[in-house]
C-alpha cells in the first residue's frame, strides 16, 4: 500500500527529474536528492515543500549531479556530489 505520494516531473519545488535518492531525518522530514535538477529538496512528513539546497555549479554549496543522500545523528544532510567528485554537507536547515 502507498502511504504517501507527491511530486511530478519538472523543475519546480514539488517536481523531480531523474535518479532520485531519498533519506528521512529524525524529524521525519523527507530529503530527496534530485540528480538531474542538481539540488536537494526537503519536505515535511506530509510531503509539503520546506526548502531546497544547492544549485548547479562547482562552488561551495553548489551541486552537479547529487547522486546519494543521507543524514547524520544531528540531521545534517550529507550528499555525494557525483560530477564534482566530492561529498558535501548541509546543516539540517539547508545552510552550507
Protein backbone atom coordinates (compact mmCIF):
# COMPACT_ATOMS: atom_id res chain seq x y z
CA UNK A 1 0.00 0.00 0.00
CA UNK A 2 1.20 3.50 -0.84
CA UNK A 3 1.24 5.69 2.27
CA UNK A 4 2.35 8.98 0.70
CA UNK A 5 2.86 10.10 -2.88
CA UNK A 6 3.85 13.56 -4.08
CA UNK A 7 5.67 15.27 -6.95
CA UNK A 8 5.65 15.45 -10.73
CA UNK A 9 8.28 15.56 -13.45
CA UNK A 10 9.80 19.00 -13.85
CA UNK A 11 11.97 21.61 -12.18
CA UNK A 12 9.68 23.21 -9.57
CA UNK A 13 9.76 22.77 -5.80
CA UNK A 14 7.48 19.72 -5.89
CA UNK A 15 8.86 18.41 -9.18
CA UNK A 16 11.65 15.96 -9.85
CA UNK A 17 13.69 14.91 -12.85
CA UNK A 18 15.65 11.67 -12.52
CA UNK A 19 17.94 9.47 -10.45
CA UNK A 20 16.17 10.25 -7.17
CA UNK A 21 17.54 9.11 -3.82
CA UNK A 22 15.64 9.62 -0.57
CA UNK A 23 16.56 9.94 3.11
CA UNK A 24 14.45 10.67 6.18
CA UNK A 25 15.81 12.55 9.20
CA UNK A 26 14.89 12.25 12.88
CA UNK A 27 12.06 14.78 12.43
CA UNK A 28 10.61 12.61 9.64
CA UNK A 29 11.44 15.24 7.04
CA UNK A 30 11.96 13.75 3.59
CA UNK A 31 15.19 14.69 1.79
CA UNK A 32 15.25 13.99 -1.95
CA UNK A 33 18.45 14.10 -3.98
CA UNK A 34 17.28 15.19 -7.44
CA UNK A 35 20.27 14.38 -9.61
CA UNK A 36 19.20 15.93 -12.91
CA UNK A 37 17.87 19.12 -11.26
CA UNK A 38 21.17 19.47 -9.36
CA UNK A 39 19.62 20.06 -5.94
CA UNK A 40 18.21 18.57 -2.78
CA UNK A 41 14.57 19.11 -1.92
CA UNK A 42 13.35 18.86 1.65
CA UNK A 43 9.73 18.13 2.55
CA UNK A 44 7.75 17.84 5.75
CA UNK A 45 6.29 14.44 6.73
CA UNK A 46 3.12 15.23 4.74
CA UNK A 47 5.12 15.89 1.56
CA UNK A 48 4.81 19.70 1.66
CA UNK A 49 7.94 21.57 0.48
CA UNK A 50 10.15 23.17 3.13
CA UNK A 51 13.28 24.28 1.26
CA UNK A 52 15.82 23.42 -1.43
CA UNK A 53 19.60 23.02 -1.02
CA UNK A 54 22.16 23.59 -3.71
CA UNK A 55 22.12 24.76 -7.28
CA UNK A 56 24.06 23.79 -10.39
CA UNK A 57 27.75 24.57 -10.11
CA UNK A 58 31.09 23.68 -8.58
CA UNK A 59 31.41 26.39 -5.94
CA UNK A 60 30.95 25.58 -2.23
CA UNK A 61 27.29 24.79 -1.58
CA UNK A 62 26.60 24.08 -5.25
CA UNK A 63 25.95 20.63 -6.67
CA UNK A 64 26.49 18.94 -10.00
CA UNK A 65 24.52 15.70 -10.18
CA UNK A 66 23.96 14.94 -6.50
CA UNK A 67 23.64 11.20 -6.52
CA UNK A 68 23.04 9.95 -3.00
CA UNK A 69 21.93 11.49 0.28
CA UNK A 70 21.98 10.52 3.96
CA UNK A 71 21.56 12.31 7.28
CA UNK A 72 23.70 12.04 10.39
CA UNK A 73 22.69 11.95 14.07
CA UNK A 74 22.35 15.77 14.12
CA UNK A 75 20.20 15.77 10.95
CA UNK A 76 22.97 17.30 8.84
CA UNK A 77 22.42 16.45 5.19
CA UNK A 78 25.34 14.63 3.54
CA UNK A 79 25.31 14.32 -0.23
CA UNK A 80 27.52 12.50 -2.72
CA UNK A 81 28.08 15.09 -5.45
CA UNK A 82 28.87 12.88 -8.44
CA UNK A 83 30.23 15.18 -11.15
CA UNK A 84 32.03 17.47 -8.68
CA UNK A 85 33.66 14.32 -7.26
CA UNK A 86 33.10 15.31 -3.65
CA UNK A 87 30.93 14.87 -0.59
CA UNK A 88 29.17 17.98 0.72
CA UNK A 89 27.36 18.57 3.98
CA UNK A 90 24.49 20.98 4.64
CA UNK A 91 23.05 21.75 8.06
CA UNK A 92 19.56 20.50 8.86
CA UNK A 93 18.17 23.89 7.79
CA UNK A 94 20.00 23.75 4.45
CA UNK A 95 22.93 26.05 5.23
CA UNK A 96 26.23 25.07 3.64
